[in-house]
C-alpha atoms as a PDB file:
ATOM      1  CA  MET A   1     133.339  71.146 119.987  1.00  0.00           C
ATOM      2  CA  ILE A   2     134.393  70.717 123.633  1.00  0.00           C
ATOM      3  CA  GLU A   3     131.547  71.771 125.953  1.00  0.00           C
ATOM      4  CA  ILE A   4     133.407  73.677 128.653  1.00  0.00           C
ATOM      5  CA  ALA A   5     130.740  76.268 129.558  1.00  0.00           C
ATOM      6  CA  PRO A   6     128.476  74.086 131.755  1.00  0.00           C
ATOM      7  CA  ARG A   7     131.362  72.894 133.934  1.00  0.00           C
ATOM      8  CA  LEU A   8     132.848  76.363 134.228  1.00  0.00           C
ATOM      9  CA  LEU A   9     129.549  77.991 135.140  1.00  0.00           C
ATOM     10  CA  THR A  10     128.819  75.407 137.838  1.00  0.00           C
ATOM     11  CA  TRP A  11     132.295  75.860 139.296  1.00  0.00           C
ATOM     12  CA  TYR A  12     132.052  79.670 139.111  1.00  0.00           C
ATOM     13  CA  ARG A  13     128.760  79.917 140.959  1.00  0.00           C
ATOM     14  CA  GLN A  14     130.257  77.931 143.814  1.00  0.00           C
ATOM     15  CA  ASN A  15     133.716  79.488 143.894  1.00  0.00           C
ATOM     16  CA  LYS A  16     133.582  83.003 142.429  1.00  0.00           C
ATOM     17  CA  ARG A  17     135.597  85.725 144.093  1.00  0.00           C
ATOM     18  CA  PHE A  18     133.824  88.497 145.977  1.00  0.00           C
ATOM     19  CA  LEU A  19     134.758  91.722 144.207  1.00  0.00           C
ATOM     20  CA  PRO A  20     133.177  95.136 144.911  1.00  0.00           C
ATOM     21  CA  TRP A  21     132.194  95.677 141.271  1.00  0.00           C
ATOM     22  CA  ARG A  22     130.602  92.253 140.788  1.00  0.00           C
ATOM     23  CA  ASP A  23     126.801  92.213 140.696  1.00  0.00           C
ATOM     24  CA  HIS A  24     126.933  95.999 141.108  1.00  0.00           C
ATOM     25  CA  PRO A  25     123.671  97.652 139.988  1.00  0.00           C
ATOM     26  CA  ASP A  26     125.484 100.438 138.114  1.00  0.00           C
ATOM     27  CA  PRO A  27     127.244  99.566 134.798  1.00  0.00           C
ATOM     28  CA  TYR A  28     129.597 102.469 135.574  1.00  0.00           C
ATOM     29  CA  ALA A  29     131.172 100.267 138.276  1.00  0.00           C
ATOM     30  CA  VAL A  30     131.984  97.526 135.777  1.00  0.00           C
ATOM     31  CA  TRP A  31     133.459 100.085 133.385  1.00  0.00           C
ATOM     32  CA  VAL A  32     135.730 101.662 136.020  1.00  0.00           C
ATOM     33  CA  SER A  33     136.867  98.271 137.321  1.00  0.00           C
ATOM     34  CA  GLU A  34     137.729  96.971 133.853  1.00  0.00           C
ATOM     35  CA  ILE A  35     139.807 100.058 133.071  1.00  0.00           C
ATOM     36  CA  MET A  36     141.632  99.824 136.411  1.00  0.00           C
ATOM     37  CA  LEU A  37     142.290  96.098 135.920  1.00  0.00           C
ATOM     38  CA  GLN A  38     144.171  96.666 132.660  1.00  0.00           C
ATOM     39  CA  GLN A  39     147.787  95.725 133.433  1.00  0.00           C
ATOM     40  CA  THR A  40     147.008  95.747 137.174  1.00  0.00           C
ATOM     41  CA  ARG A  41     146.344  93.013 139.741  1.00  0.00           C
ATOM     42  CA  VAL A  42     142.950  92.649 141.422  1.00  0.00           C
ATOM     43  CA  ASP A  43     144.271  93.059 144.979  1.00  0.00           C
ATOM     44  CA  THR A  44     145.924  96.335 143.952  1.00  0.00           C
ATOM     45  CA  VAL A  45     142.775  97.634 142.249  1.00  0.00           C
ATOM     46  CA  ILE A  46     140.238  97.015 145.042  1.00  0.00           C
ATOM     47  CA  PRO A  47     141.245  99.922 147.363  1.00  0.00           C
ATOM     48  CA  TYR A  48     141.596 102.261 144.372  1.00  0.00           C
ATOM     49  CA  PHE A  49     138.126 101.271 143.148  1.00  0.00           C
ATOM     50  CA  GLU A  50     136.594 101.906 146.566  1.00  0.00           C
ATOM     51  CA  ARG A  51     138.252 105.331 146.888  1.00  0.00           C
ATOM     52  CA  TRP A  52     137.219 106.183 143.315  1.00  0.00           C
ATOM     53  CA  PHE A  53     133.554 105.407 143.956  1.00  0.00           C
ATOM     54  CA  ALA A  54     133.599 107.366 147.199  1.00  0.00           C
ATOM     55  CA  LYS A  55     134.921 110.385 145.281  1.00  0.00           C
ATOM     56  CA  PHE A  56     133.203 109.931 141.890  1.00  0.00           C
ATOM     57  CA  PRO A  57     130.035 107.873 142.542  1.00  0.00           C
ATOM     58  CA  THR A  58     128.448 108.692 139.169  1.00  0.00           C
ATOM     59  CA  ILE A  59     129.492 109.351 135.580  1.00  0.00           C
ATOM     60  CA  LYS A  60     128.464 112.969 136.016  1.00  0.00           C
ATOM     61  CA  ALA A  61     130.615 113.360 139.133  1.00  0.00           C
ATOM     62  CA  LEU A  62     133.565 112.079 137.125  1.00  0.00           C
ATOM     63  CA  ALA A  63     132.796 114.341 134.172  1.00  0.00           C
ATOM     64  CA  ASP A  64     132.610 117.396 136.462  1.00  0.00           C
ATOM     65  CA  ALA A  65     135.934 116.668 138.212  1.00  0.00           C
ATOM     66  CA  GLU A  66     139.237 118.394 137.461  1.00  0.00           C
ATOM     67  CA  GLU A  67     141.854 116.274 135.705  1.00  0.00           C
ATOM     68  CA  GLN A  68     144.444 116.900 138.426  1.00  0.00           C
ATOM     69  CA  GLU A  69     141.989 115.630 141.036  1.00  0.00           C
ATOM     70  CA  ILE A  70     141.486 112.465 138.987  1.00  0.00           C
ATOM     71  CA  LEU A  71     145.202 111.887 138.459  1.00  0.00           C
ATOM     72  CA  ASN A  72     145.843 112.413 142.154  1.00  0.00           C
ATOM     73  CA  LEU A  73     143.341 109.688 143.040  1.00  0.00           C
ATOM     74  CA  TRP A  74     144.819 107.393 140.369  1.00  0.00           C
ATOM     75  CA  GLU A  75     148.402 107.909 141.571  1.00  0.00           C
ATOM     76  CA  GLY A  76     150.216 104.615 142.017  1.00  0.00           C
ATOM     77  CA  LEU A  77     148.075 102.639 139.545  1.00  0.00           C
ATOM     78  CA  GLY A  78     150.248 103.637 136.599  1.00  0.00           C
ATOM     79  CA  TYR A  79     149.247 103.893 132.931  1.00  0.00           C
ATOM     80  CA  TYR A  80     147.706 107.295 133.613  1.00  0.00           C
ATOM     81  CA  SER A  81     146.190 107.614 130.151  1.00  0.00           C
ATOM     82  CA  ARG A  82     143.537 105.196 131.466  1.00  0.00           C
ATOM     83  CA  ALA A  83     142.364 107.802 133.976  1.00  0.00           C
ATOM     84  CA  ARG A  84     142.380 110.589 131.412  1.00  0.00           C
ATOM     85  CA  ASN A  85     140.381 108.450 128.969  1.00  0.00           C
ATOM     86  CA  LEU A  86     137.819 107.661 131.685  1.00  0.00           C
ATOM     87  CA  HIS A  87     137.447 111.398 132.230  1.00  0.00           C
ATOM     88  CA  LYS A  88     137.099 112.139 128.505  1.00  0.00           C
ATOM     89  CA  ALA A  89     134.546 109.366 128.031  1.00  0.00           C
ATOM     90  CA  ALA A  90     132.495 110.545 131.023  1.00  0.00           C
ATOM     91  CA  LYS A  91     132.310 114.038 129.526  1.00  0.00           C
ATOM     92  CA  ILE A  92     131.194 112.599 126.188  1.00  0.00           C
ATOM     93  CA  LEU A  93     128.454 110.550 127.864  1.00  0.00           C
ATOM     94  CA  VAL A  94     127.164 113.478 129.895  1.00  0.00           C
ATOM     95  CA  GLU A  95     127.153 115.791 126.881  1.00  0.00           C
ATOM     96  CA  SER A  96     125.416 113.098 124.828  1.00  0.00           C
ATOM     97  CA  SER A  97     122.679 112.577 127.416  1.00  0.00           C
ATOM     98  CA  LEU A  98     122.063 116.324 127.586  1.00  0.00           C
ATOM     99  CA  SER A  99     121.832 116.736 123.818  1.00  0.00           C
ATOM    100  CA  LEU A 100     119.519 113.735 123.453  1.00  0.00           C
ATOM    101  CA  GLY A 101     117.385 114.783 126.396  1.00  0.00           C
ATOM    102  CA  GLU A 102     117.630 111.267 127.842  1.00  0.00           C
ATOM    103  CA  ARG A 103     118.117 112.554 131.364  1.00  0.00           C
ATOM    104  CA  ALA A 104     117.258 116.010 132.530  1.00  0.00           C
ATOM    105  CA  GLU A 105     120.226 116.033 134.895  1.00  0.00           C
ATOM    106  CA  GLY A 106     122.661 115.038 132.152  1.00  0.00           C
ATOM    107  CA  GLU A 107     123.982 112.177 134.295  1.00  0.00           C
ATOM    108  CA  GLY A 108     125.451 110.176 131.446  1.00  0.00           C
ATOM    109  CA  LYS A 109     124.619 106.622 130.450  1.00  0.00           C
ATOM    110  CA  LEU A 110     126.836 103.890 129.042  1.00  0.00           C
ATOM    111  CA  PRO A 111     125.659 102.287 125.803  1.00  0.00           C
ATOM    112  CA  GLU A 112     124.849  98.572 126.073  1.00  0.00           C
ATOM    113  CA  ASP A 113     126.194  97.505 122.694  1.00  0.00           C
ATOM    114  CA  SER A 114     129.836  96.431 122.370  1.00  0.00           C
ATOM    115  CA  ALA A 115     130.348  98.301 119.088  1.00  0.00           C
ATOM    116  CA  ALA A 116     129.000 101.545 120.582  1.00  0.00           C
ATOM    117  CA  LEU A 117     131.166 101.160 123.675  1.00  0.00           C
ATOM    118  CA  GLN A 118     134.298 100.885 121.521  1.00  0.00           C
ATOM    119  CA  LYS A 119     133.673 104.400 120.208  1.00  0.00           C
ATOM    120  CA  LEU A 120     134.481 105.807 123.658  1.00  0.00           C
ATOM    121  CA  PRO A 121     138.086 106.749 124.558  1.00  0.00           C
ATOM    122  CA  GLY A 122     140.027 103.950 126.231  1.00  0.00           C
ATOM    123  CA  ILE A 123     137.554 101.158 125.466  1.00  0.00           C
ATOM    124  CA  GLY A 124     138.826  98.459 123.116  1.00  0.00           C
ATOM    125  CA  ARG A 125     137.387  95.166 121.972  1.00  0.00           C
ATOM    126  CA  TYR A 126     137.974  93.251 125.212  1.00  0.00           C
ATOM    127  CA  THR A 127     136.792  96.011 127.568  1.00  0.00           C
ATOM    128  CA  ALA A 128     133.677  96.634 125.493  1.00  0.00           C
ATOM    129  CA  ALA A 129     132.814  92.926 125.573  1.00  0.00           C
ATOM    130  CA  ALA A 130     133.416  92.706 129.321  1.00  0.00           C
ATOM    131  CA  ILE A 131     131.146  95.689 130.032  1.00  0.00           C
ATOM    132  CA  SER A 132     128.493  94.587 127.550  1.00  0.00           C
ATOM    133  CA  SER A 133     128.317  91.028 128.919  1.00  0.00           C
ATOM    134  CA  MET A 134     128.737  91.690 132.647  1.00  0.00           C
ATOM    135  CA  ALA A 135     126.774  94.922 132.989  1.00  0.00           C
ATOM    136  CA  PHE A 136     124.085  94.454 130.348  1.00  0.00           C
ATOM    137  CA  GLY A 137     123.795  90.698 129.831  1.00  0.00           C
ATOM    138  CA  GLN A 138     124.790  90.850 126.171  1.00  0.00           C
ATOM    139  CA  ASP A 139     126.231  87.739 124.458  1.00  0.00           C
ATOM    140  CA  ALA A 140     129.672  89.283 123.946  1.00  0.00           C
ATOM    141  CA  ALA A 141     132.879  87.223 124.037  1.00  0.00           C
ATOM    142  CA  ALA A 142     135.719  88.656 126.134  1.00  0.00           C
ATOM    143  CA  LEU A 143     139.407  87.846 125.855  1.00  0.00           C
ATOM    144  CA  ASP A 144     142.036  88.981 128.369  1.00  0.00           C
ATOM    145  CA  GLY A 145     145.357  87.508 129.511  1.00  0.00           C
ATOM    146  CA  ASN A 146     143.752  85.013 131.885  1.00  0.00           C
ATOM    147  CA  ILE A 147     141.304  83.808 129.243  1.00  0.00           C
ATOM    148  CA  ARG A 148     144.027  83.429 126.608  1.00  0.00           C
ATOM    149  CA  ARG A 149     146.031  81.266 129.012  1.00  0.00           C
ATOM    150  CA  VAL A 150     143.024  79.077 129.829  1.00  0.00           C
ATOM    151  CA  TYR A 151     142.134  78.586 126.153  1.00  0.00           C
ATOM    152  CA  ALA A 152     145.780  77.954 125.203  1.00  0.00           C
ATOM    153  CA  ARG A 153     145.866  75.042 127.663  1.00  0.00           C
ATOM    154  CA  ILE A 154     142.387  73.604 127.137  1.00  0.00           C
ATOM    155  CA  PHE A 155     142.731  73.618 123.344  1.00  0.00           C
ATOM    156  CA  ASN A 156     146.559  73.221 123.224  1.00  0.00           C
ATOM    157  CA  ILE A 157     147.229  76.360 121.167  1.00  0.00           C
ATOM    158  CA  ALA A 158     150.872  76.346 120.047  1.00  0.00           C
ATOM    159  CA  ASP A 159     150.815  79.710 118.241  1.00  0.00           C
ATOM    160  CA  VAL A 160     152.878  82.461 119.847  1.00  0.00           C
ATOM    161  CA  LEU A 161     150.893  84.953 121.931  1.00  0.00           C
ATOM    162  CA  GLY A 162     150.434  88.324 120.288  1.00  0.00           C
ATOM    163  CA  THR A 163     150.728  87.111 116.707  1.00  0.00           C
ATOM    164  CA  THR A 164     147.931  87.779 114.238  1.00  0.00           C
ATOM    165  CA  ASN A 165     147.175  84.086 113.800  1.00  0.00           C
ATOM    166  CA  ALA A 166     147.078  83.446 117.554  1.00  0.00           C
ATOM    167  CA  GLU A 167     144.699  86.349 118.122  1.00  0.00           C
ATOM    168  CA  LYS A 168     142.331  85.045 115.452  1.00  0.00           C
ATOM    169  CA  ILE A 169     142.367  81.570 117.018  1.00  0.00           C
ATOM    170  CA  PHE A 170     141.698  82.916 120.520  1.00  0.00           C
ATOM    171  CA  TRP A 171     138.887  85.250 119.451  1.00  0.00           C
ATOM    172  CA  ASP A 172     137.276  82.479 117.401  1.00  0.00           C
ATOM    173  CA  LEU A 173     137.387  80.173 120.428  1.00  0.00           C
ATOM    174  CA  ALA A 174     135.973  82.894 122.680  1.00  0.00           C
ATOM    175  CA  GLU A 175     133.035  83.516 120.361  1.00  0.00           C
ATOM    176  CA  GLU A 176     132.364  79.820 119.658  1.00  0.00           C
ATOM    177  CA  ASN A 177     132.169  78.907 123.331  1.00  0.00           C
ATOM    178  CA  ILE A 178     129.921  81.704 124.630  1.00  0.00           C
ATOM    179  CA  PRO A 179     126.780  80.202 126.214  1.00  0.00           C
ATOM    180  CA  SER A 180     123.700  82.127 125.100  1.00  0.00           C
ATOM    181  CA  GLY A 181     122.270  84.322 127.859  1.00  0.00           C
ATOM    182  CA  GLU A 182     125.144  83.603 130.261  1.00  0.00           C
ATOM    183  CA  ALA A 183     128.083  85.410 128.696  1.00  0.00           C
ATOM    184  CA  GLY A 184     128.700  87.653 131.714  1.00  0.00           C
ATOM    185  CA  ASP A 185     129.110  84.775 134.165  1.00  0.00           C
ATOM    186  CA  TYR A 186     131.016  82.702 131.612  1.00  0.00           C
ATOM    187  CA  ASN A 187     133.549  85.471 130.931  1.00  0.00           C
ATOM    188  CA  GLN A 188     134.050  85.994 134.662  1.00  0.00           C
ATOM    189  CA  ALA A 189     134.350  82.237 135.212  1.00  0.00           C
ATOM    190  CA  LEU A 190     137.234  82.109 132.741  1.00  0.00           C
ATOM    191  CA  MET A 191     138.887  85.093 134.431  1.00  0.00           C
ATOM    192  CA  ASP A 192     138.568  83.529 137.874  1.00  0.00           C
ATOM    193  CA  LEU A 193     139.802  80.162 136.646  1.00  0.00           C
ATOM    194  CA  GLY A 194     142.916  81.829 135.224  1.00  0.00           C
ATOM    195  CA  ALA A 195     143.471  83.866 138.385  1.00  0.00           C
ATOM    196  CA  LEU A 196     142.850  81.105 140.940  1.00  0.00           C
ATOM    197  CA  ILE A 197     143.640  77.749 139.318  1.00  0.00           C
ATOM    198  CA  CYS A 198     145.009  77.981 135.774  1.00  0.00           C
ATOM    199  CA  THR A 199     147.789  80.312 136.923  1.00  0.00           C
ATOM    200  CA  PRO A 200     150.822  81.288 134.812  1.00  0.00           C
ATOM    201  CA  ARG A 201     153.121  79.042 136.861  1.00  0.00           C
ATOM    202  CA  ASN A 202     152.352  75.818 138.704  1.00  0.00           C
ATOM    203  CA  PRO A 203     148.645  75.607 137.781  1.00  0.00           C
ATOM    204  CA  SER A 204     146.464  73.635 140.219  1.00  0.00           C
ATOM    205  CA  CYS A 205     145.271  71.175 137.599  1.00  0.00           C
ATOM    206  CA  GLY A 206     143.866  68.755 140.172  1.00  0.00           C
ATOM    207  CA  GLU A 207     141.305  71.383 141.233  1.00  0.00           C
ATOM    208  CA  CYS A 208     140.330  72.451 137.709  1.00  0.00           C
ATOM    209  CA  PRO A 209     136.663  71.892 136.747  1.00  0.00           C
ATOM    210  CA  VAL A 210     137.644  71.217 133.120  1.00  0.00           C
ATOM    211  CA  LYS A 211     140.756  69.096 133.714  1.00  0.00           C
ATOM    212  CA  GLU A 212     139.296  66.103 131.838  1.00  0.00           C
ATOM    213  CA  LEU A 213     138.837  68.336 128.781  1.00  0.00           C
ATOM    214  CA  CYS A 214     142.241  70.050 128.877  1.00  0.00           C
ATOM    215  CA  GLN A 215     144.365  68.913 125.939  1.00  0.00           C
ATOM    216  CA  ALA A 216     147.585  70.396 127.327  1.00  0.00           C
ATOM    217  CA  LYS A 217     147.146  68.538 130.620  1.00  0.00           C
ATOM    218  CA  LYS A 218     146.575  65.253 128.795  1.00  0.00           C
ATOM    219  CA  LEU A 219     149.914  65.779 127.031  1.00  0.00           C
ATOM    220  CA  GLY A 220     151.650  67.002 130.193  1.00  0.00           C
ATOM    221  CA  ILE A 221     152.587  70.314 128.577  1.00  0.00           C
ATOM    222  CA  GLN A 222     150.365  72.712 130.542  1.00  0.00           C
ATOM    223  CA  ASP A 223     153.468  74.601 131.740  1.00  0.00           C
ATOM    224  CA  GLU A 224     154.449  75.143 128.099  1.00  0.00           C
ATOM    225  CA  ARG A 225     151.188  76.884 127.217  1.00  0.00           C
ATOM    226  CA  PRO A 226     150.667  79.601 126.244  1.00  0.00           C
ATOM    227  CA  VAL A 227     153.717  80.051 124.020  1.00  0.00           C
ATOM    228  CA  ARG A 228     155.233  83.476 124.599  1.00  0.00           C
ATOM    229  CA  LYS A 229     157.609  85.621 122.587  1.00  0.00           C
ATOM    230  CA  ALA A 230     161.216  85.671 123.737  1.00  0.00           C
ATOM    231  CA  LYS A 231     161.766  88.497 126.207  1.00  0.00           C
ATOM    232  CA  LYS A 232     163.724  91.502 124.990  1.00  0.00           C
ATOM    233  CA  THR A 233     166.549  93.033 126.963  1.00  0.00           C
ATOM    234  CA  VAL A 234     165.131  95.752 129.210  1.00  0.00           C
ATOM    235  CA  PRO A 235     167.063  99.053 128.863  1.00  0.00           C
ATOM    236  CA  HIS A 236     168.240 100.784 132.054  1.00  0.00           C
ATOM    237  CA  TYR A 237     168.427 104.592 132.103  1.00  0.00           C
ATOM    238  CA  LEU A 238     170.132 106.970 134.511  1.00  0.00           C
ATOM    239  CA  HIS A 239     168.519 110.316 135.393  1.00  0.00           C
ATOM    240  CA  ALA A 240     169.583 113.266 137.516  1.00  0.00           C
ATOM    241  CA  ALA A 241     166.976 115.418 139.286  1.00  0.00           C
ATOM    242  CA  ALA A 242     167.205 118.918 140.746  1.00  0.00           C
ATOM    243  CA  LEU A 243     165.289 119.642 143.950  1.00  0.00           C
ATOM    244  CA  ILE A 244     165.262 123.417 143.967  1.00  0.00           C
ATOM    245  CA  VAL A 245     164.072 124.610 147.373  1.00  0.00           C
ATOM    246  CA  GLU A 246     163.482 128.197 148.459  1.00  0.00           C
ATOM    247  CA  GLU A 247     161.694 129.398 151.609  1.00  0.00           C
ATOM    248  CA  GLY A 248     159.835 126.146 152.224  1.00  0.00           C
ATOM    249  CA  LYS A 249     158.819 125.672 148.576  1.00  0.00           C
ATOM    250  CA  VAL A 250     160.161 123.396 145.861  1.00  0.00           C
ATOM    251  CA  LEU A 251     159.980 123.887 142.108  1.00  0.00           C
ATOM    252  CA  LEU A 252     157.886 121.319 140.199  1.00  0.00           C
ATOM    253  CA  ALA A 253     157.420 120.804 136.468  1.00  0.00           C
ATOM    254  CA  GLN A 254     154.270 119.437 134.836  1.00  0.00           C
ATOM    255  CA  ARG A 255     154.761 116.804 132.172  1.00  0.00           C
ATOM    256  CA  PRO A 256     153.107 117.181 128.741  1.00  0.00           C
ATOM    257  CA  GLU A 257     149.551 115.844 128.473  1.00  0.00           C
ATOM    258  CA  LYS A 258     150.562 113.200 125.944  1.00  0.00           C
ATOM    259  CA  GLY A 259     153.104 110.484 126.632  1.00  0.00           C
ATOM    260  CA  LEU A 260     154.401 108.717 129.734  1.00  0.00           C
ATOM    261  CA  LEU A 261     152.918 110.091 132.978  1.00  0.00           C
ATOM    262  CA  GLY A 262     151.054 112.747 130.997  1.00  0.00           C
ATOM    263  CA  GLY A 263     149.871 115.697 133.094  1.00  0.00           C
ATOM    264  CA  MET A 264     151.718 114.503 136.203  1.00  0.00           C
ATOM    265  CA  TRP A 265     154.157 116.610 138.218  1.00  0.00           C
ATOM    266  CA  GLU A 266     157.867 115.921 138.632  1.00  0.00           C
ATOM    267  CA  PHE A 267     161.099 117.448 139.860  1.00  0.00           C
ATOM    268  CA  PRO A 268     163.137 118.914 136.982  1.00  0.00           C
ATOM    269  CA  ASN A 269     165.306 116.073 135.698  1.00  0.00           C
ATOM    270  CA  GLY A 270     167.050 114.686 132.656  1.00  0.00           C
ATOM    271  CA  ARG A 271     168.757 111.584 131.346  1.00  0.00           C
ATOM    272  CA  VAL A 272     172.533 111.457 131.831  1.00  0.00           C
ATOM    273  CA  ASN A 273     175.169 109.207 130.347  1.00  0.00           C
ATOM    274  CA  GLY A 274     177.774 109.116 133.092  1.00  0.00           C
ATOM    275  CA  ASP A 275     178.218 111.116 136.297  1.00  0.00           C
ATOM    276  CA  PRO A 276     174.792 112.485 137.475  1.00  0.00           C
ATOM    277  CA  ALA A 277     176.392 115.259 139.536  1.00  0.00           C
ATOM    278  CA  GLY A 278     178.644 116.311 136.667  1.00  0.00           C
ATOM    279  CA  GLU A 279     175.842 116.428 134.093  1.00  0.00           C
ATOM    280  CA  LEU A 280     172.927 117.729 136.200  1.00  0.00           C
ATOM    281  CA  VAL A 281     173.507 121.457 135.597  1.00  0.00           C
ATOM    282  CA  SER A 282     173.612 121.085 131.808  1.00  0.00           C
ATOM    283  CA  VAL A 283     170.566 118.785 131.467  1.00  0.00           C
ATOM    284  CA  ILE A 284     168.429 121.035 133.693  1.00  0.00           C
ATOM    285  CA  ASP A 285     169.479 124.110 131.724  1.00  0.00           C
ATOM    286  CA  LYS A 286     168.738 122.375 128.437  1.00  0.00           C
ATOM    287  CA  GLY A 287     165.417 120.857 129.466  1.00  0.00           C
ATOM    288  CA  TYR A 288     163.927 123.642 131.604  1.00  0.00           C
ATOM    289  CA  GLN A 289     165.991 126.810 130.991  1.00  0.00           C
ATOM    290  CA  LEU A 290     166.972 126.777 134.664  1.00  0.00           C
ATOM    291  CA  LYS A 291     170.481 127.555 135.873  1.00  0.00           C
ATOM    292  CA  VAL A 292     171.105 125.664 139.120  1.00  0.00           C
ATOM    293  CA  GLN A 293     173.930 124.992 141.530  1.00  0.00           C
ATOM    294  CA  ILE A 294     174.192 121.725 143.434  1.00  0.00           C
ATOM    295  CA  VAL A 295     174.116 122.004 147.225  1.00  0.00           C
ATOM    296  CA  ASP A 296     174.316 118.327 148.202  1.00  0.00           C
ATOM    297  CA  PRO A 297     173.027 114.893 147.141  1.00  0.00           C
ATOM    298  CA  LEU A 298     169.651 113.823 148.506  1.00  0.00           C
ATOM    299  CA  GLY A 299     169.526 110.180 147.450  1.00  0.00           C
ATOM    300  CA  GLU A 300     168.573 107.887 144.605  1.00  0.00           C
ATOM    301  CA  VAL A 301     165.518 105.856 143.555  1.00  0.00           C
ATOM    302  CA  ASP A 302     165.193 102.759 141.357  1.00  0.00           C
ATOM    303  CA  HIS A 303     161.991 101.910 139.527  1.00  0.00           C
ATOM    304  CA  ALA A 304     160.933  99.480 136.789  1.00  0.00           C
ATOM    305  CA  TYR A 305     158.398 100.561 134.177  1.00  0.00           C
ATOM    306  CA  THR A 306     156.872  98.138 131.688  1.00  0.00           C
ATOM    307  CA  HIS A 307     159.551  98.463 129.017  1.00  0.00           C
ATOM    308  CA  PHE A 308     162.523 100.013 130.822  1.00  0.00           C
ATOM    309  CA  LYS A 309     164.139 100.601 134.200  1.00  0.00           C
ATOM    310  CA  ILE A 310     165.343 103.858 135.689  1.00  0.00           C
ATOM    311  CA  LYS A 311     167.679 105.038 138.403  1.00  0.00           C
ATOM    312  CA  GLU A 312     167.146 108.664 139.364  1.00  0.00           C
ATOM    313  CA  VAL A 313     169.732 110.460 141.489  1.00  0.00           C
ATOM    314  CA  ALA A 314     168.391 113.549 143.248  1.00  0.00           C
ATOM    315  CA  PHE A 315     170.341 116.629 144.370  1.00  0.00           C
ATOM    316  CA  ARG A 316     169.302 119.593 146.473  1.00  0.00           C
ATOM    317  CA  CYS A 317     170.004 122.696 144.434  1.00  0.00           C
ATOM    318  CA  THR A 318     169.772 126.466 144.522  1.00  0.00           C
ATOM    319  CA  LEU A 319     168.324 128.443 141.627  1.00  0.00           C
ATOM    320  CA  ILE A 320     170.689 130.945 140.024  1.00  0.00           C
ATOM    321  CA  ARG A 321     168.679 131.934 136.952  1.00  0.00           C
ATOM    322  CA  SER A 322     165.411 130.972 135.276  1.00  0.00           C
ATOM    323  CA  SER A 323     163.452 131.716 132.124  1.00  0.00           C
ATOM    324  CA  HIS A 324     159.705 131.727 132.770  1.00  0.00           C
ATOM    325  CA  LYS A 325     157.931 128.544 131.700  1.00  0.00           C
ATOM    326  CA  GLU A 326     154.217 127.892 132.136  1.00  0.00           C
ATOM    327  CA  ASN A 327     154.733 124.280 133.229  1.00  0.00           C
ATOM    328  CA  LEU A 328     156.800 125.230 136.314  1.00  0.00           C
ATOM    329  CA  ARG A 329     155.285 125.889 139.733  1.00  0.00           C
ATOM    330  CA  TRP A 330     156.564 126.606 143.235  1.00  0.00           C
ATOM    331  CA  VAL A 331     154.849 124.278 145.699  1.00  0.00           C
ATOM    332  CA  ALA A 332     154.983 124.293 149.493  1.00  0.00           C
ATOM    333  CA  LEU A 333     156.717 121.185 150.844  1.00  0.00           C
ATOM    334  CA  ASN A 334     153.683 120.320 152.956  1.00  0.00           C
ATOM    335  CA  LYS A 335     151.447 120.489 149.854  1.00  0.00           C
ATOM    336  CA  LEU A 336     153.331 118.009 147.666  1.00  0.00           C
ATOM    337  CA  ASP A 337     150.719 115.314 148.292  1.00  0.00           C
ATOM    338  CA  ASP A 338     148.177 117.490 146.464  1.00  0.00           C
ATOM    339  CA  TYR A 339     150.130 117.171 143.205  1.00  0.00           C
ATOM    340  CA  PRO A 340     149.876 113.852 141.319  1.00  0.00           C
ATOM    341  CA  MET A 341     153.284 112.291 140.694  1.00  0.00           C
ATOM    342  CA  GLY A 342     154.730 109.083 139.323  1.00  0.00           C
ATOM    343  CA  LYS A 343     156.328 106.621 141.747  1.00  0.00           C
ATOM    344  CA  VAL A 344     159.878 107.891 141.225  1.00  0.00           C
ATOM    345  CA  ASP A 345     159.043 111.487 142.068  1.00  0.00           C
ATOM    346  CA  ARG A 346     156.734 110.493 144.935  1.00  0.00           C
ATOM    347  CA  MET A 347     159.589 108.520 146.510  1.00  0.00           C
ATOM    348  CA  ILE A 348     161.947 111.474 146.065  1.00  0.00           C
ATOM    349  CA  ALA A 349     159.320 113.785 147.565  1.00  0.00           C
ATOM    350  CA  GLY A 350     159.232 111.502 150.590  1.00  0.00           C
ATOM    351  CA  LYS A 351     162.991 111.807 150.974  1.00  0.00           C
ATOM    352  CA  LEU A 352     162.757 115.603 150.672  1.00  0.00           C
ATOM    353  CA  GLN A 353     159.918 115.896 153.178  1.00  0.00           C
END
């Protein structure tokens, strides 16, 4: 077996990135950071992490918070189910500590074992291993996108990412190469190597601490690893939104708890097939039981989600008739920042304000 751990650990201890959750005394910090880092870049996460800890410095503070307050702080990070799962898990931990009498204050305490961590909402195999190894010093193997890329190049893995066989190979490699007693640093060394040197494009192979051991580099195929699935065509949808304003207030709708942007607030809108202005009245009536009349166009916003793109065209409207719905609320224009929104609606709110 190739001995990559000693070289990686030596390199890491000399070159590791300074990150606010690294070497943090509270395992809660590692947990929050790992959830935020899912599908999100480190430089984006850092200011969110710092604001989060200023607002929710303990598991109990998070458990006691209102969901809307949490979503508001998370706004802009995307994948909002991550925030809701953090909240749910914090409540479980606090309730558990109270029932077990572990802490009189009911502060909540993360379990150290990877298997126990995976029983909490939002924590899968990788996240549990990352927390267990980095926060508690357990010998748990972690595997994220950076680590898969590093292993694919070092060991020249030709299997397509995401396939069952590839996942087995990567997890086997991760577990085989864990150095006893140093899993936390080793996992972070792999992450840093993938982020700083073994990058997706144009890797800096000359600076790599394991370049002599890298099979893909020896063959000159490092740019061909890992092997990815062919990209699918990304669908593009057109939406029309109604900005219904009366006496300094605008009507907002709250999205369902489950699904995309769950629990967030938005301007009443709907998908259209052709002319947004021509179809707006009917889609708003169908989706919200609101009869509106267009006053004038406000503007349009483009945004790319993970699996689709959207163009939303917004119109100022007057309300002619409405049927009461619990998920609708009149909000003062100067209070829109208090309501968590997705990027599309936040951009439209900016245009309206």
